[in-house]
């Protein structure tokens, strides 16, 4: 079963324990850095030369042969190089390579991840040319017993995009962010793309402005998400209805959405069945509205045309990985999108999770109903469940601030983000 189910959202949990059927993979770095050695002969095997090394087995200037999967793009002393390493779910101690025609084994090490935060917390730092925001979770106050401060933090995050759409660099730090609900992430990107604050759009009422927002996002995302698959069943519809009844974010449209779900449930009661359809159509479930979406035109270019730099690590999962997917889908043509840090958790191939309690054991199981694999295939940086998105530039605590400064061109970040090596700012 472990070999067949590669889904990080498929989880058993109970008694303060959680069990996954697929592992996560982390990178082990050597202290060897290299550059490609150019060859006039395209048929010749590609080789590399060492530009920096603290390993006894390999010296600066050595010519090495190494597999492409062991080359990790890295910024060292302002220079774009490769750092040698290996990524695996097992602990690794050595990396095998050929140096000057001789097989050698170079020590590797794993850098610890930053700590996870239990509470929902947002951080903001501003310079003249850059805006930085960090967020620990996308889980918020849908239920009465949820801390109100979580909603306050997420409200601050959701409005950060529109407030900083004129900056040259927008830095989104999602290290240790295990995901949650995508609503506030979508509000964040809506403001950044449209240049509109949906809460104060024109002279609209709260309900009208919310309808405008959901229509806009449906028009924008539906064609981009075509190809993903969603499965509907009577049990899932009932779960979804229960969630809507407790949701705070969709109060404006809850009544209409509930009526629609009740209608679907009645149809399912008559002829129970599993239905499969395109995810682009499923968006209509989440974006119920009374406005005519055809009257809303989506501009071909986003209001933001600077650089988006997303910082991620091995614990960035689910909705945090969706932040990378949305940035690529919505902004790659208009803005320069970079991902730096580590590979993400790899927990986004399947989504829209609902939890079910097994009647006898009382163990809970999380089961996703949407399949995004067809969409993820478009992105070379996606390497599958447990591997996640690979960054454009890998970072450790030794070079994350340097990487941000090089990519953004903003020296003020050196002081504004001091300490980012070990925690969110």
Protein backbone atom coordinates (compact mmCIF):
# COMPACT_ATOMS: atom_id res chain seq x y z
CA UNK A 1 0.00 0.00 0.00
CA UNK A 2 2.84 2.39 0.83
CA UNK A 3 4.17 2.05 -2.71
CA UNK A 4 0.79 2.68 -4.32
CA UNK A 5 -0.60 5.62 -2.30
CA UNK A 6 1.62 8.62 -2.87
CA UNK A 7 -0.60 11.26 -1.33
CA UNK A 8 0.63 13.40 1.58
CA UNK A 9 -2.96 14.55 2.24
CA UNK A 10 -4.07 10.96 2.88
CA UNK A 11 -3.56 10.78 6.65
CA UNK A 12 -4.72 8.60 9.52
CA UNK A 13 -4.78 10.33 12.88
CA UNK A 14 -5.94 9.72 16.41
CA UNK A 15 -4.66 9.57 19.97
CA UNK A 16 -2.38 12.58 19.29
CA UNK A 17 -0.61 10.67 16.51
CA UNK A 18 -0.56 11.01 12.71
CA UNK A 19 0.40 8.44 10.08
CA UNK A 20 1.33 9.11 6.44
CA UNK A 21 1.67 6.37 3.82
CA UNK A 22 4.28 8.29 1.84
CA UNK A 23 7.50 9.82 3.13
CA UNK A 24 9.02 13.27 2.71
CA UNK A 25 12.41 13.95 1.20
CA UNK A 26 15.04 16.46 2.30
CA UNK A 27 18.34 17.58 0.85
CA UNK A 28 21.80 16.75 2.21
CA UNK A 29 24.47 19.21 1.06
CA UNK A 30 28.18 18.78 0.58
CA UNK A 31 30.62 21.66 0.93
CA UNK A 32 31.54 21.43 -2.75
CA UNK A 33 30.47 24.13 -5.23
CA UNK A 34 30.98 23.98 -8.98
CA UNK A 35 30.25 25.52 -12.37
CA UNK A 36 29.65 23.87 -15.72
CA UNK A 37 32.64 23.38 -17.97
CA UNK A 38 31.60 24.46 -21.46
CA UNK A 39 32.45 22.21 -24.38
CA UNK A 40 32.50 22.95 -28.11
CA UNK A 41 31.43 19.36 -28.74
CA UNK A 42 27.74 18.84 -27.93
CA UNK A 43 28.22 15.07 -27.87
CA UNK A 44 30.88 15.27 -25.17
CA UNK A 45 29.84 14.34 -21.65
CA UNK A 46 29.20 17.43 -19.55
CA UNK A 47 31.77 18.04 -16.84
CA UNK A 48 32.13 20.61 -14.09
CA UNK A 49 34.96 22.32 -12.28
CA UNK A 50 35.07 23.09 -8.57
CA UNK A 51 35.00 26.77 -7.59
CA UNK A 52 34.92 26.27 -3.82
CA UNK A 53 35.40 23.26 -1.56
CA UNK A 54 35.84 22.57 2.15
CA UNK A 55 35.89 18.82 1.52
CA UNK A 56 39.26 17.10 1.80
CA UNK A 57 38.45 14.73 -1.08
CA UNK A 58 37.89 17.50 -3.65
CA UNK A 59 39.96 20.64 -4.24
CA UNK A 60 39.23 23.95 -5.90
CA UNK A 61 39.90 23.67 -9.65
CA UNK A 62 39.28 19.91 -9.80
CA UNK A 63 37.28 18.60 -12.74
CA UNK A 64 34.36 16.45 -11.64
CA UNK A 65 31.68 14.25 -13.15
CA UNK A 66 28.34 14.28 -11.35
CA UNK A 67 24.71 13.41 -12.08
CA UNK A 68 22.37 16.31 -12.83
CA UNK A 69 20.14 15.29 -9.91
CA UNK A 70 23.02 16.13 -7.54
CA UNK A 71 23.37 19.73 -8.81
CA UNK A 72 21.49 22.32 -6.77
CA UNK A 73 21.43 25.94 -8.08
CA UNK A 74 22.88 28.10 -5.32
CA UNK A 75 24.12 31.65 -4.76
CA UNK A 76 27.55 31.82 -3.15
CA UNK A 77 29.35 35.12 -2.59
CA UNK A 78 27.08 36.79 -5.12
CA UNK A 79 27.81 34.17 -7.80
CA UNK A 80 25.30 31.71 -9.26
CA UNK A 81 26.85 28.25 -8.88
CA UNK A 82 25.82 24.66 -8.15
CA UNK A 83 26.12 23.14 -4.70
CA UNK A 84 26.54 19.39 -4.73
CA UNK A 85 24.14 17.30 -2.67
CA UNK A 86 21.63 14.49 -2.57
CA UNK A 87 17.91 14.46 -1.83
CA UNK A 88 16.34 11.45 -0.14
CA UNK A 89 13.91 10.32 2.55
CA UNK A 90 16.74 8.37 4.22
CA UNK A 91 19.58 9.96 6.13
CA UNK A 92 22.60 10.33 3.86
CA UNK A 93 26.24 10.62 4.94
CA UNK A 94 28.20 10.66 1.69
CA UNK A 95 27.85 11.71 -1.94
CA UNK A 96 29.60 9.70 -4.64
CA UNK A 97 31.28 11.60 -7.50
CA UNK A 98 34.25 11.39 -9.87
CA UNK A 99 37.03 13.95 -9.31
CA UNK A 100 39.93 14.09 -11.77
CA UNK A 101 39.01 10.60 -12.97
CA UNK A 102 38.93 9.09 -9.45
CA UNK A 103 35.81 7.99 -7.55
CA UNK A 104 35.53 9.77 -4.19
CA UNK A 105 32.94 10.01 -1.41
CA UNK A 106 32.23 13.49 -0.06
CA UNK A 107 30.54 14.06 3.34
CA UNK A 108 27.05 15.63 3.27
CA UNK A 109 24.93 17.25 5.97
CA UNK A 110 21.35 18.30 6.51
CA UNK A 111 20.52 21.77 7.83
CA UNK A 112 17.72 21.92 10.43
CA UNK A 113 14.42 23.51 9.40
CA UNK A 114 13.18 26.60 11.20
CA UNK A 115 10.77 25.93 14.03
CA UNK A 116 7.06 25.45 13.41
CA UNK A 117 4.65 27.91 15.00
CA UNK A 118 1.43 26.72 16.62
CA UNK A 119 -0.35 30.06 16.41
CA UNK A 120 -1.27 31.95 13.24
CA UNK A 121 1.18 34.81 12.98
CA UNK A 122 1.88 37.37 10.27
CA UNK A 123 5.09 39.39 9.93
CA UNK A 124 5.68 42.44 7.74
CA UNK A 125 8.82 44.36 6.78
CA UNK A 126 8.99 47.25 4.31
CA UNK A 127 11.90 48.94 2.53
CA UNK A 128 11.80 51.56 -0.20
CA UNK A 129 11.71 48.96 -2.99
CA UNK A 130 10.59 45.76 -1.28
CA UNK A 131 7.76 44.40 0.84
CA UNK A 132 8.15 41.24 2.92
CA UNK A 133 5.35 39.23 4.50
CA UNK A 134 5.46 35.94 6.42
CA UNK A 135 2.62 33.69 7.52
CA UNK A 136 2.71 30.59 9.71
CA UNK A 137 -0.64 28.98 8.72
CA UNK A 138 -3.65 29.36 6.45
CA UNK A 139 -5.99 27.95 9.11
CA UNK A 140 -8.42 30.52 10.48
CA UNK A 141 -11.58 31.07 12.49
CA UNK A 142 -14.19 29.04 10.69
CA UNK A 143 -15.39 27.61 13.98
CA UNK A 144 -16.50 29.23 17.22
CA UNK A 145 -13.65 27.79 19.28
CA UNK A 146 -10.95 29.14 16.92
CA UNK A 147 -8.90 32.04 18.25
CA UNK A 148 -10.07 35.35 16.79
CA UNK A 149 -6.49 36.58 16.43
CA UNK A 150 -6.01 34.05 13.63
CA UNK A 151 -8.58 35.85 11.49
CA UNK A 152 -6.97 39.20 12.27
CA UNK A 153 -3.55 37.91 11.13
CA UNK A 154 -5.01 36.43 7.94
CA UNK A 155 -6.89 39.66 7.19
CA UNK A 156 -3.56 41.51 7.40
CA UNK A 157 -2.01 38.98 5.04
CA UNK A 158 -4.88 39.09 2.52
CA UNK A 159 -4.63 42.90 2.16
CA UNK A 160 -0.83 42.92 1.88
CA UNK A 161 -0.83 42.35 -1.88
CA UNK A 162 -3.00 45.34 -2.79
CA UNK A 163 -1.16 47.61 -0.35
CA UNK A 164 2.22 46.82 -1.90
CA UNK A 165 1.40 46.33 -5.58
CA UNK A 166 3.73 49.21 -6.56
CA UNK A 167 6.84 47.75 -4.93
CA UNK A 168 9.63 46.35 -7.10
CA UNK A 169 9.90 43.20 -4.99
CA UNK A 170 7.27 41.26 -3.08
CA UNK A 171 8.72 38.60 -0.76
CA UNK A 172 6.37 35.92 0.63
CA UNK A 173 7.90 33.80 3.39
CA UNK A 174 5.99 30.53 3.83
CA UNK A 175 8.61 28.44 5.59
CA UNK A 176 7.06 26.11 8.18
CA UNK A 177 3.57 26.95 6.79
CA UNK A 178 1.68 23.67 6.75
CA UNK A 179 -1.26 25.03 4.75
CA UNK A 180 -4.95 25.32 5.51
CA UNK A 181 -7.74 27.02 3.59
CA UNK A 182 -6.88 28.92 0.37
CA UNK A 183 -9.39 31.78 0.74
CA UNK A 184 -7.04 34.43 2.16
CA UNK A 185 -4.26 33.40 -0.21
CA UNK A 186 -6.63 33.99 -3.12
CA UNK A 187 -7.64 37.38 -1.69
CA UNK A 188 -3.94 38.26 -1.44
CA UNK A 189 -3.32 37.40 -5.09
CA UNK A 190 -6.56 39.03 -6.20
CA UNK A 191 -5.40 42.41 -4.89
CA UNK A 192 -1.95 41.98 -6.37
CA UNK A 193 -3.25 40.96 -9.81
CA UNK A 194 -6.25 43.28 -10.15
CA UNK A 195 -4.94 46.29 -8.24
CA UNK A 196 -8.40 46.44 -6.63
CA UNK A 197 -9.30 46.27 -2.96
CA UNK A 198 -12.43 44.12 -3.20
CA UNK A 199 -13.70 45.34 0.18
CA UNK A 200 -13.87 48.94 -0.98
CA UNK A 201 -14.53 48.46 -4.70
CA UNK A 202 -16.52 51.50 -5.89
CA UNK A 203 -19.79 52.12 -4.06
CA UNK A 204 -20.66 48.46 -3.71
CA UNK A 205 -22.14 46.96 -0.58
CA UNK A 206 -20.18 44.27 1.28
CA UNK A 207 -22.23 41.60 -0.48
CA UNK A 208 -21.77 43.17 -3.91
CA UNK A 209 -18.03 43.63 -3.41
CA UNK A 210 -17.67 40.01 -2.31
CA UNK A 211 -19.60 38.87 -5.37
CA UNK A 212 -17.33 40.99 -7.56
CA UNK A 213 -14.27 39.37 -5.99
CA UNK A 214 -15.48 35.77 -6.43
CA UNK A 215 -16.65 36.40 -10.01
CA UNK A 216 -13.27 37.92 -10.87
CA UNK A 217 -11.36 34.99 -9.38
CA UNK A 218 -13.64 32.44 -11.05
CA UNK A 219 -13.06 34.05 -14.45
CA UNK A 220 -9.32 34.25 -13.81
CA UNK A 221 -8.71 30.78 -12.37
CA UNK A 222 -11.24 28.56 -14.12
CA UNK A 223 -9.43 28.35 -17.50
CA UNK A 224 -6.05 28.00 -15.79
CA UNK A 225 -7.21 25.07 -13.64
CA UNK A 226 -8.92 23.16 -16.42
CA UNK A 227 -7.50 19.65 -16.57
CA UNK A 228 -7.67 18.86 -12.87
CA UNK A 229 -10.32 16.37 -11.78
CA UNK A 230 -12.77 16.49 -8.88
CA UNK A 231 -14.85 13.61 -7.53
CA UNK A 232 -18.21 14.21 -5.85
CA UNK A 233 -20.03 11.71 -3.62
CA UNK A 234 -23.01 11.95 -1.23
CA UNK A 235 -20.70 11.76 1.80
CA UNK A 236 -18.48 14.53 0.47
CA UNK A 237 -21.45 16.79 -0.30
CA UNK A 238 -22.74 16.39 3.25
CA UNK A 239 -19.29 17.22 4.64
CA UNK A 240 -19.07 20.27 2.40
CA UNK A 241 -22.51 21.46 3.52
CA UNK A 242 -21.49 21.11 7.17
CA UNK A 243 -18.39 23.22 6.52
CA UNK A 244 -20.36 25.96 4.75
CA UNK A 245 -22.75 26.18 7.70
CA UNK A 246 -19.78 26.91 9.98
CA UNK A 247 -17.82 29.13 7.59
CA UNK A 248 -17.21 32.77 8.46
CA UNK A 249 -15.59 33.88 5.20
CA UNK A 250 -18.59 33.17 2.94
CA UNK A 251 -21.42 34.62 5.03
CA UNK A 252 -22.56 36.84 2.16
CA UNK A 253 -23.35 33.86 -0.04
CA UNK A 254 -23.88 31.07 2.49
CA UNK A 255 -27.67 30.92 2.08
CA UNK A 256 -27.55 30.53 -1.68
CA UNK A 257 -24.69 28.05 -1.50
CA UNK A 258 -26.53 25.95 1.09
CA UNK A 259 -29.66 25.87 -1.05
CA UNK A 260 -27.59 24.71 -4.01
CA UNK A 261 -25.87 21.98 -1.95
CA UNK A 262 -29.20 20.80 -0.54
CA UNK A 263 -30.48 20.47 -4.10
CA UNK A 264 -27.43 18.35 -5.05
CA UNK A 265 -27.88 16.20 -1.95
CA UNK A 266 -31.52 15.53 -2.86
CA UNK A 267 -30.40 14.43 -6.33
CA UNK A 268 -27.77 12.15 -4.81
CA UNK A 269 -30.31 10.60 -2.44
CA UNK A 270 -32.45 9.60 -5.41
CA UNK A 271 -29.56 8.14 -7.39
CA UNK A 272 -26.43 7.81 -5.20
CA UNK A 273 -23.33 7.90 -7.36
CA UNK A 274 -19.78 9.09 -7.67
CA UNK A 275 -19.45 11.92 -10.16
CA UNK A 276 -16.23 13.02 -11.77
CA UNK A 277 -15.81 16.37 -13.50
CA UNK A 278 -13.31 19.06 -14.37
CA UNK A 279 -11.96 21.14 -11.52
CA UNK A 280 -12.63 24.31 -13.48
CA UNK A 281 -16.32 23.59 -12.98
CA UNK A 282 -15.77 22.71 -9.31
CA UNK A 283 -14.67 26.31 -8.68
CA UNK A 284 -18.33 27.21 -9.02
CA UNK A 285 -18.96 25.32 -5.78
CA UNK A 286 -16.55 27.56 -3.90
CA UNK A 287 -17.53 30.75 -5.70
CA UNK A 288 -21.31 30.91 -5.40
CA UNK A 289 -22.61 34.34 -6.40
CA UNK A 290 -25.60 36.22 -7.73
CA UNK A 291 -23.72 38.51 -10.13
CA UNK A 292 -23.23 37.77 -13.81
CA UNK A 293 -19.57 36.79 -14.13
CA UNK A 294 -19.65 37.48 -17.87
CA UNK A 295 -19.83 41.20 -17.13
CA UNK A 296 -16.41 41.14 -15.44
CA UNK A 297 -13.44 41.42 -17.77
CA UNK A 298 -10.04 40.16 -16.68
CA UNK A 299 -7.11 42.30 -17.86
CA UNK A 300 -4.44 40.49 -19.85
CA UNK A 301 -1.70 41.90 -17.63
CA UNK A 302 -1.56 42.04 -13.86
CA UNK A 303 -1.34 45.31 -11.94
CA UNK A 304 1.88 44.03 -10.36
CA UNK A 305 4.86 43.62 -12.68
CA UNK A 306 7.77 43.42 -10.26
CA UNK A 307 9.47 40.36 -8.76
CA UNK A 308 7.65 37.83 -6.59
CA UNK A 309 10.05 35.89 -4.37
CA UNK A 310 8.54 33.00 -2.40
CA UNK A 311 10.59 31.44 0.40
CA UNK A 312 9.70 27.81 1.12
CA UNK A 313 11.09 24.83 2.98
CA UNK A 314 10.42 21.13 3.65
CA UNK A 315 7.46 22.05 5.90
CA UNK A 316 5.72 24.29 3.35
CA UNK A 317 2.71 22.19 2.40
CA UNK A 318 -0.72 22.18 0.79
CA UNK A 319 -2.02 25.79 0.60
CA UNK A 320 1.56 27.05 1.02
CA UNK A 321 2.46 25.10 -2.13
CA UNK A 322 -0.69 26.44 -3.77
CA UNK A 323 0.89 29.89 -3.33
CA UNK A 324 3.67 28.77 -5.69
CA UNK A 325 1.23 27.22 -8.16
CA UNK A 326 -0.96 30.36 -8.26
CA UNK A 327 2.06 32.63 -8.66
CA UNK A 328 3.21 30.60 -11.66
CA UNK A 329 -0.27 30.48 -13.18
CA UNK A 330 -1.21 34.12 -12.60
CA UNK A 331 2.00 36.15 -12.74
CA UNK A 332 4.75 34.31 -14.61
CA UNK A 333 4.07 36.24 -17.82
CA UNK A 334 3.93 39.65 -16.14
CA UNK A 335 6.25 39.34 -13.17
CA UNK A 336 9.46 37.50 -12.42
CA UNK A 337 8.53 34.69 -10.04
CA UNK A 338 11.30 33.09 -7.99
CA UNK A 339 11.10 30.35 -5.39
CA UNK A 340 14.04 30.05 -2.99
CA UNK A 341 14.85 27.89 0.02
CA UNK A 342 14.28 24.12 0.04
CA UNK A 343 12.01 21.71 -1.77
CA UNK A 344 8.47 21.93 -0.42
CA UNK A 345 6.67 19.13 1.41
CA UNK A 346 5.01 17.72 -1.70
CA UNK A 347 1.42 17.72 -0.50
CA UNK A 348 -0.65 19.25 -3.29
CA UNK A 349 -1.25 16.59 -5.97
CA UNK A 350 -4.59 15.87 -4.34
CA UNK A 351 -6.65 18.40 -2.40
CA UNK A 352 -9.97 19.63 -1.03
CA UNK A 353 -9.61 17.34 1.95
CA UNK A 354 -12.45 16.12 4.12
CA UNK A 355 -12.02 14.19 7.37
CA UNK A 356 -14.04 11.07 8.21
CA UNK A 357 -14.20 9.17 11.50
CA UNK A 358 -14.07 5.37 11.26
CA UNK A 359 -16.99 4.11 13.38
CA UNK A 360 -15.30 1.20 15.15
CA UNK A 361 -11.73 2.37 15.79
CA UNK A 362 -12.63 6.08 16.05
CA UNK A 363 -9.52 6.78 13.99
CA UNK A 364 -9.93 9.72 11.62
CA UNK A 365 -8.84 9.62 8.01
CA UNK A 366 -8.28 12.59 5.71
CA UNK A 367 -9.40 11.92 2.13
CA UNK A 368 -8.91 14.45 -0.72
CA UNK A 369 -11.37 14.58 -3.60
CA UNK A 370 -9.51 16.66 -6.20
CA UNK A 371 -6.66 15.54 -8.47
CA UNK A 372 -4.26 18.29 -9.63
CA UNK A 373 -1.65 16.03 -11.21
CA UNK A 374 -2.51 17.09 -14.78
CA UNK A 375 -1.90 20.74 -13.86
CA UNK A 376 1.30 20.07 -11.93
CA UNK A 377 2.77 18.25 -14.94
CA UNK A 378 3.08 21.64 -16.64
CA UNK A 379 5.74 22.73 -14.15
CA UNK A 380 9.26 21.28 -14.41
CA UNK A 381 9.95 22.40 -10.83
CA UNK A 382 7.31 19.99 -9.49
CA UNK A 383 8.87 16.63 -8.59
CA UNK A 384 5.95 14.77 -7.05
CA UNK A 385 4.42 13.96 -3.68
CA UNK A 386 7.02 13.95 -0.91
CA UNK A 387 9.45 15.92 -3.10
CA UNK A 388 7.37 19.01 -3.83
CA UNK A 389 8.39 22.07 -5.79
CA UNK A 390 12.13 22.51 -6.18
CA UNK A 391 13.28 26.11 -5.70
CA UNK A 392 14.98 28.16 -8.40
CA UNK A 393 17.79 28.72 -5.91
CA UNK A 394 18.41 26.48 -2.92
CA UNK A 395 19.20 28.16 0.38
CA UNK A 396 20.42 27.27 3.83
CA UNK A 397 20.80 29.43 6.92
CA UNK A 398 24.19 30.40 5.47
CA UNK A 399 22.95 32.19 2.34
CA UNK A 400 19.22 32.91 2.44
CA UNK A 401 19.64 36.64 3.11
CA UNK A 402 22.38 36.93 0.48
CA UNK A 403 20.11 35.22 -2.05
CA UNK A 404 17.27 37.67 -1.35
CA UNK A 405 19.60 40.65 -1.76
CA UNK A 406 21.05 39.31 -5.04
CA UNK A 407 17.66 38.53 -6.60
CA UNK A 408 15.94 41.72 -5.43
CA UNK A 409 18.86 44.10 -5.83
CA UNK A 410 17.78 45.65 -2.51
CA UNK A 411 20.64 46.16 -0.04
CA UNK A 412 18.21 47.53 2.58
CA UNK A 413 17.03 43.96 3.14
CA UNK A 414 20.31 43.21 4.93
CA UNK A 415 19.13 45.18 7.94
CA UNK A 416 15.34 44.87 7.46
CA UNK A 417 15.45 41.05 7.40
CA UNK A 418 18.33 40.51 9.82
CA UNK A 419 17.81 37.15 11.54
CA UNK A 420 15.81 35.61 8.68
CA UNK A 421 18.42 32.83 8.56
CA UNK A 422 16.85 31.13 11.57
CA UNK A 423 13.21 32.25 11.76
CA UNK A 424 10.43 34.19 10.09
CA UNK A 425 10.57 37.96 10.41
